[in-house]
Structures are given as C-alpha cells and as structure tokens.
Amino acid sequence: QVQFVESGGGLVQPGGSLRLSCAASGSISTIYAMGWYRQAPGKQRDLVATITSHNVAEYADSVKLRFTIFRDDAKNTVYLQMNSLKPEDTAVYYCNVAYSGNYYHAWGQGTQVTVSS
C-alpha cells in the first residue's frame, strides 16, 4: 500500500499558474499509471490527468493545453503543472493510481487550489 502526500496548492488569480506535487511513500516505477483527481464542493471526484510508466499522458478535455502531468521516478513524485488557471479549476486536488479497476490506494488529504480574483 503506497501512501500519497499532495502539496503545492494555493490561492491564485485567473490566468495564474501552480505546480502540484504528489510524493509517494514507495516506488511508483511499477505502477502502470498515476493520476491527478480533483473534487469541488458538492461534486464527485473527477480524473484530471494520467501518466503511465512509459510517460504517456492523457488529460480531461477541460484541462487540455493548460495542464501538464509529469513524473520523476527517482523521487517517487508526480507533478501537475497548471497554467492559465480558471475559476472552475477550484477544487481539492488528489493523486492516486489510475486505470486500476477502482482499487485505489488510500486517498491523501489533497491540496486546495483556489482560483479567484
């Protein structure tokens, strides 16, 4: 069981940028795919971006061309670079495994991203 700790969130203005970090307690090199998820108040948790062990990335339509997911296996860390942020990006962001048949590791506390002027 791998544990994840998310960090890097904060309050930014529309059009601003943030880089989120997901530090794993164990190796991520053998995990087929990692993902970033987000959940706004009263909403379900949605998948935002994924990256496989072969560095193939996919994105939700809502964040394409604005967000970039990448990984550093030596640091057991997955990142989410968020540019051109919009108010609708406001949510708590989490990381976890992806494409794993709903068998996730424990969810961390997430990191709050607030986009507001």
N, C-alpha and C. Protein backbone atom coordinates (compact mmCIF):
# COMPACT_ATOMS: atom_id res chain seq x y z
N GLN A 1 0.84 -1.19 0.00
CA GLN A 1 0.00 0.00 0.00
C GLN A 1 0.88 1.25 0.00
N VAL A 2 0.76 2.02 -1.05
CA VAL A 2 1.52 3.24 -1.19
C VAL A 2 0.67 4.40 -0.67
N GLN A 3 1.31 5.30 0.05
CA GLN A 3 0.65 6.50 0.54
C GLN A 3 1.11 7.70 -0.27
N PHE A 4 0.20 8.65 -0.45
CA PHE A 4 0.49 9.83 -1.24
C PHE A 4 0.27 11.09 -0.41
N VAL A 5 1.15 12.05 -0.60
CA VAL A 5 1.03 13.34 0.04
C VAL A 5 1.06 14.42 -1.03
N GLU A 6 -0.03 15.16 -1.13
CA GLU A 6 -0.14 16.21 -2.12
C GLU A 6 0.26 17.55 -1.52
N SER A 7 0.86 18.39 -2.33
CA SER A 7 1.25 19.72 -1.89
C SER A 7 1.32 20.65 -3.08
N GLY A 8 1.44 21.93 -2.80
CA GLY A 8 1.64 22.92 -3.84
C GLY A 8 0.43 23.77 -4.17
N GLY A 9 -0.70 23.47 -3.58
CA GLY A 9 -1.89 24.26 -3.85
C GLY A 9 -1.81 25.63 -3.22
N GLY A 10 -2.80 26.44 -3.55
CA GLY A 10 -2.84 27.79 -3.01
C GLY A 10 -3.90 28.62 -3.70
N LEU A 11 -3.88 29.90 -3.39
CA LEU A 11 -4.80 30.86 -3.97
C LEU A 11 -4.09 31.61 -5.09
N VAL A 12 -4.67 31.57 -6.27
CA VAL A 12 -4.10 32.27 -7.41
C VAL A 12 -5.20 32.99 -8.16
N GLN A 13 -4.80 34.00 -8.92
CA GLN A 13 -5.73 34.73 -9.76
C GLN A 13 -5.97 33.99 -11.07
N PRO A 14 -7.10 34.22 -11.70
CA PRO A 14 -7.31 33.63 -13.03
C PRO A 14 -6.15 33.96 -13.96
N GLY A 15 -5.73 32.97 -14.71
CA GLY A 15 -4.58 33.12 -15.59
C GLY A 15 -3.26 32.77 -14.94
N GLY A 16 -3.26 32.55 -13.65
CA GLY A 16 -2.05 32.21 -12.94
C GLY A 16 -1.67 30.76 -13.08
N SER A 17 -0.58 30.40 -12.41
CA SER A 17 -0.03 29.05 -12.51
C SER A 17 0.28 28.49 -11.13
N LEU A 18 0.22 27.18 -11.03
CA LEU A 18 0.63 26.44 -9.85
C LEU A 18 1.25 25.13 -10.30
N ARG A 19 2.16 24.63 -9.49
CA ARG A 19 2.69 23.30 -9.70
C ARG A 19 2.40 22.46 -8.47
N LEU A 20 1.65 21.39 -8.66
CA LEU A 20 1.31 20.48 -7.59
C LEU A 20 2.29 19.32 -7.57
N SER A 21 2.57 18.83 -6.37
CA SER A 21 3.45 17.69 -6.20
C SER A 21 2.72 16.57 -5.48
N CYS A 22 3.00 15.37 -5.87
CA CYS A 22 2.46 14.17 -5.23
C CYS A 22 3.63 13.29 -4.86
N ALA A 23 3.95 13.25 -3.59
CA ALA A 23 5.06 12.45 -3.09
C ALA A 23 4.54 11.10 -2.62
N ALA A 24 5.06 10.05 -3.17
CA ALA A 24 4.65 8.70 -2.82
C ALA A 24 5.59 8.10 -1.79
N SER A 25 5.04 7.27 -0.91
CA SER A 25 5.84 6.65 0.14
C SER A 25 6.66 5.48 -0.37
N GLY A 26 6.36 5.02 -1.56
CA GLY A 26 7.08 3.92 -2.15
C GLY A 26 7.32 4.16 -3.62
N SER A 27 7.86 3.17 -4.26
CA SER A 27 8.18 3.28 -5.67
C SER A 27 6.92 3.44 -6.52
N ILE A 28 7.00 4.34 -7.48
CA ILE A 28 5.92 4.48 -8.44
C ILE A 28 6.30 3.91 -9.80
N SER A 29 7.52 3.46 -9.92
CA SER A 29 8.00 2.99 -11.21
C SER A 29 7.26 1.76 -11.69
N THR A 30 6.72 0.97 -10.77
CA THR A 30 6.00 -0.25 -11.15
C THR A 30 4.49 -0.05 -11.23
N ILE A 31 4.03 1.16 -10.95
CA ILE A 31 2.61 1.47 -11.09
C ILE A 31 2.33 1.80 -12.55
N TYR A 32 1.36 1.13 -13.11
CA TYR A 32 1.10 1.31 -14.54
C TYR A 32 0.78 2.76 -14.88
N ALA A 33 -0.11 3.36 -14.09
CA ALA A 33 -0.49 4.74 -14.37
C ALA A 33 -0.82 5.46 -13.06
N MET A 34 -0.38 6.70 -12.98
CA MET A 34 -0.74 7.59 -11.90
C MET A 34 -1.66 8.66 -12.43
N GLY A 35 -2.47 9.20 -11.54
CA GLY A 35 -3.40 10.22 -11.97
C GLY A 35 -3.57 11.32 -10.94
N TRP A 36 -3.96 12.46 -11.44
CA TRP A 36 -4.42 13.56 -10.60
C TRP A 36 -5.93 13.64 -10.71
N TYR A 37 -6.57 13.81 -9.58
CA TYR A 37 -8.01 13.92 -9.48
C TYR A 37 -8.35 15.23 -8.79
N ARG A 38 -9.57 15.71 -8.98
CA ARG A 38 -9.99 16.89 -8.25
C ARG A 38 -11.46 16.77 -7.86
N GLN A 39 -11.79 17.43 -6.77
CA GLN A 39 -13.14 17.39 -6.25
C GLN A 39 -13.53 18.76 -5.73
N ALA A 40 -14.55 19.33 -6.33
CA ALA A 40 -15.11 20.59 -5.87
C ALA A 40 -16.22 20.30 -4.86
N PRO A 41 -16.56 21.27 -4.00
CA PRO A 41 -17.61 21.05 -3.01
C PRO A 41 -18.92 20.60 -3.66
N GLY A 42 -19.50 19.54 -3.12
CA GLY A 42 -20.76 19.03 -3.63
C GLY A 42 -20.65 18.26 -4.93
N LYS A 43 -19.45 18.05 -5.41
CA LYS A 43 -19.24 17.36 -6.67
C LYS A 43 -18.51 16.04 -6.44
N GLN A 44 -18.59 15.17 -7.41
CA GLN A 44 -17.84 13.93 -7.35
C GLN A 44 -16.38 14.19 -7.71
N ARG A 45 -15.55 13.23 -7.37
CA ARG A 45 -14.14 13.34 -7.70
C ARG A 45 -13.92 12.95 -9.16
N ASP A 46 -13.27 13.82 -9.90
CA ASP A 46 -13.06 13.62 -11.33
C ASP A 46 -11.59 13.43 -11.64
N LEU A 47 -11.34 12.62 -12.63
CA LEU A 47 -9.98 12.40 -13.12
C LEU A 47 -9.57 13.57 -14.00
N VAL A 48 -8.42 14.14 -13.72
CA VAL A 48 -7.93 15.31 -14.44
C VAL A 48 -6.87 14.94 -15.47
N ALA A 49 -5.90 14.14 -15.05
CA ALA A 49 -4.79 13.79 -15.92
C ALA A 49 -4.18 12.48 -15.45
N THR A 50 -3.61 11.74 -16.38
CA THR A 50 -2.94 10.49 -16.06
C THR A 50 -1.60 10.43 -16.78
N ILE A 51 -0.71 9.63 -16.22
CA ILE A 51 0.56 9.38 -16.87
C ILE A 51 0.97 7.94 -16.59
N THR A 52 1.37 7.23 -17.62
CA THR A 52 1.76 5.85 -17.47
C THR A 52 3.23 5.73 -17.13
N SER A 53 3.65 4.51 -16.84
CA SER A 53 5.05 4.25 -16.55
C SER A 53 5.94 4.50 -17.75
N HIS A 54 5.35 4.54 -18.92
CA HIS A 54 6.08 4.86 -20.15
C HIS A 54 5.93 6.32 -20.54
N ASN A 55 5.45 7.13 -19.62
CA ASN A 55 5.36 8.58 -19.82
C ASN A 55 4.34 9.00 -20.88
N VAL A 56 3.31 8.19 -21.04
CA VAL A 56 2.21 8.58 -21.91
C VAL A 56 1.18 9.30 -21.06
N ALA A 57 0.87 10.52 -21.42
CA ALA A 57 -0.03 11.36 -20.64
C ALA A 57 -1.36 11.55 -21.36
N GLU A 58 -2.42 11.63 -20.57
CA GLU A 58 -3.75 11.93 -21.09
C GLU A 58 -4.40 12.94 -20.16
N TYR A 59 -5.31 13.72 -20.71
CA TYR A 59 -5.93 14.81 -19.96
C TYR A 59 -7.42 14.87 -20.20
N ALA A 60 -8.12 15.32 -19.19
CA ALA A 60 -9.52 15.65 -19.38
C ALA A 60 -9.62 16.83 -20.34
N ASP A 61 -10.69 16.87 -21.11
CA ASP A 61 -10.86 17.94 -22.08
C ASP A 61 -10.80 19.32 -21.43
N SER A 62 -11.28 19.42 -20.22
CA SER A 62 -11.35 20.71 -19.56
C SER A 62 -9.99 21.31 -19.23
N VAL A 63 -8.94 20.49 -19.22
CA VAL A 63 -7.62 21.00 -18.85
C VAL A 63 -6.59 20.84 -19.96
N LYS A 64 -6.96 20.26 -21.07
CA LYS A 64 -6.02 20.09 -22.17
C LYS A 64 -5.43 21.42 -22.60
N LEU A 65 -4.16 21.40 -22.91
CA LEU A 65 -3.38 22.56 -23.34
C LEU A 65 -3.07 23.53 -22.22
N ARG A 66 -3.58 23.26 -21.04
CA ARG A 66 -3.30 24.12 -19.90
C ARG A 66 -2.50 23.41 -18.81
N PHE A 67 -2.78 22.13 -18.61
CA PHE A 67 -2.12 21.35 -17.56
C PHE A 67 -1.13 20.37 -18.18
N THR A 68 -0.08 20.08 -17.45
CA THR A 68 0.89 19.07 -17.86
C THR A 68 1.21 18.18 -16.67
N ILE A 69 1.07 16.89 -16.86
CA ILE A 69 1.44 15.93 -15.83
C ILE A 69 2.79 15.33 -16.19
N PHE A 70 3.65 15.19 -15.21
CA PHE A 70 4.92 14.54 -15.44
C PHE A 70 5.38 13.88 -14.16
N ARG A 71 6.35 13.01 -14.28
CA ARG A 71 6.79 12.20 -13.15
C ARG A 71 8.30 12.15 -13.05
N ASP A 72 8.77 11.96 -11.84
CA ASP A 72 10.18 11.77 -11.55
C ASP A 72 10.27 10.52 -10.70
N ASP A 73 10.54 9.40 -11.35
CA ASP A 73 10.54 8.13 -10.64
C ASP A 73 11.65 8.05 -9.59
N ALA A 74 12.75 8.73 -9.83
CA ALA A 74 13.85 8.72 -8.86
C ALA A 74 13.42 9.36 -7.55
N LYS A 75 12.49 10.29 -7.62
CA LYS A 75 11.98 10.96 -6.42
C LYS A 75 10.62 10.42 -5.99
N ASN A 76 10.11 9.43 -6.71
CA ASN A 76 8.79 8.88 -6.44
C ASN A 76 7.73 9.97 -6.34
N THR A 77 7.78 10.87 -7.28
CA THR A 77 6.91 12.04 -7.25
C THR A 77 6.27 12.26 -8.61
N VAL A 78 5.01 12.62 -8.58
CA VAL A 78 4.27 13.01 -9.78
C VAL A 78 3.85 14.46 -9.62
N TYR A 79 3.96 15.20 -10.69
CA TYR A 79 3.67 16.63 -10.67
C TYR A 79 2.51 16.96 -11.60
N LEU A 80 1.87 18.07 -11.30
CA LEU A 80 0.87 18.62 -12.20
C LEU A 80 1.15 20.11 -12.34
N GLN A 81 1.63 20.49 -13.50
CA GLN A 81 1.84 21.90 -13.81
C GLN A 81 0.55 22.47 -14.36
N MET A 82 0.03 23.47 -13.70
CA MET A 82 -1.25 24.07 -14.07
C MET A 82 -1.01 25.51 -14.50
N ASN A 83 -1.33 25.80 -15.74
CA ASN A 83 -1.20 27.13 -16.29
C ASN A 83 -2.56 27.65 -16.73
N SER A 84 -2.64 28.94 -16.93
CA SER A 84 -3.88 29.57 -17.39
C SER A 84 -5.07 29.14 -16.55
N LEU A 85 -4.91 29.19 -15.26
CA LEU A 85 -5.94 28.69 -14.36
C LEU A 85 -7.22 29.50 -14.46
N LYS A 86 -8.32 28.79 -14.31
CA LYS A 86 -9.66 29.36 -14.37
C LYS A 86 -10.38 29.14 -13.06
N PRO A 87 -11.37 29.96 -12.74
CA PRO A 87 -12.13 29.74 -11.50
C PRO A 87 -12.72 28.34 -11.40
N GLU A 88 -13.11 27.75 -12.51
CA GLU A 88 -13.68 26.41 -12.47
C GLU A 88 -12.66 25.33 -12.16
N ASP A 89 -11.39 25.69 -12.09
CA ASP A 89 -10.37 24.75 -11.65
C ASP A 89 -10.31 24.63 -10.13
N THR A 90 -11.04 25.48 -9.44
CA THR A 90 -11.05 25.46 -7.99
C THR A 90 -11.55 24.12 -7.47
N ALA A 91 -10.75 23.48 -6.65
CA ALA A 91 -11.08 22.16 -6.13
C ALA A 91 -9.96 21.70 -5.21
N VAL A 92 -10.21 20.61 -4.53
CA VAL A 92 -9.15 19.90 -3.83
C VAL A 92 -8.58 18.88 -4.79
N TYR A 93 -7.28 18.90 -4.95
CA TYR A 93 -6.61 18.02 -5.89
C TYR A 93 -5.94 16.87 -5.16
N TYR A 94 -6.14 15.68 -5.69
CA TYR A 94 -5.60 14.46 -5.12
C TYR A 94 -4.82 13.69 -6.17
N CYS A 95 -3.92 12.86 -5.71
CA CYS A 95 -3.26 11.93 -6.62
C CYS A 95 -3.49 10.51 -6.13
N ASN A 96 -3.46 9.59 -7.07
CA ASN A 96 -3.64 8.19 -6.76
C ASN A 96 -3.32 7.40 -8.02
N VAL A 97 -3.41 6.09 -7.91
CA VAL A 97 -3.25 5.27 -9.10
C VAL A 97 -4.41 5.53 -10.04
N ALA A 98 -4.21 5.21 -11.29
CA ALA A 98 -5.24 5.35 -12.30
C ALA A 98 -5.34 4.06 -13.10
N TYR A 99 -6.49 3.86 -13.69
CA TYR A 99 -6.73 2.70 -14.54
C TYR A 99 -6.46 1.39 -13.80
N SER A 100 -6.89 1.32 -12.57
CA SER A 100 -6.61 0.17 -11.72
C SER A 100 -7.87 -0.53 -11.24
N GLY A 101 -8.93 -0.45 -12.02
CA GLY A 101 -10.15 -1.15 -11.68
C GLY A 101 -10.79 -0.71 -10.38
N ASN A 102 -10.66 0.56 -10.06
CA ASN A 102 -11.22 1.17 -8.85
C ASN A 102 -10.55 0.71 -7.57
N TYR A 103 -9.44 0.02 -7.67
CA TYR A 103 -8.69 -0.39 -6.50
C TYR A 103 -7.58 0.62 -6.23
N TYR A 104 -7.97 1.69 -5.60
CA TYR A 104 -7.06 2.78 -5.31
C TYR A 104 -6.29 2.51 -4.03
N HIS A 105 -5.18 3.17 -3.88
CA HIS A 105 -4.53 3.27 -2.59
C HIS A 105 -5.29 4.29 -1.75
N ALA A 106 -4.91 4.39 -0.49
CA ALA A 106 -5.59 5.34 0.38
C ALA A 106 -5.46 6.76 -0.17
N TRP A 107 -6.55 7.50 -0.08
CA TRP A 107 -6.53 8.89 -0.52
C TRP A 107 -5.85 9.75 0.53
N GLY A 108 -5.00 10.64 0.05
CA GLY A 108 -4.39 11.60 0.95
C GLY A 108 -5.35 12.73 1.28
N GLN A 109 -4.83 13.75 1.93
CA GLN A 109 -5.66 14.89 2.29
C GLN A 109 -5.93 15.82 1.11
N GLY A 110 -5.14 15.69 0.07
CA GLY A 110 -5.29 16.57 -1.07
C GLY A 110 -4.69 17.94 -0.80
N THR A 111 -4.68 18.74 -1.84
CA THR A 111 -4.20 20.11 -1.70
C THR A 111 -5.20 21.04 -2.37
N GLN A 112 -5.55 22.10 -1.67
CA GLN A 112 -6.58 23.02 -2.12
C GLN A 112 -6.04 23.98 -3.17
N VAL A 113 -6.73 24.06 -4.27
CA VAL A 113 -6.44 25.05 -5.31
C VAL A 113 -7.64 25.97 -5.42
N THR A 114 -7.42 27.24 -5.24
CA THR A 114 -8.48 28.23 -5.35
C THR A 114 -8.07 29.26 -6.38
N VAL A 115 -8.89 29.43 -7.39
CA VAL A 115 -8.64 30.40 -8.45
C VAL A 115 -9.71 31.47 -8.36
N SER A 116 -9.32 32.64 -7.98
CA SER A 116 -10.28 33.71 -7.74
C SER A 116 -9.59 35.06 -7.87
N SER A 117 -10.35 36.03 -8.36
CA SER A 117 -9.86 37.40 -8.44
C SER A 117 -10.38 38.23 -7.28
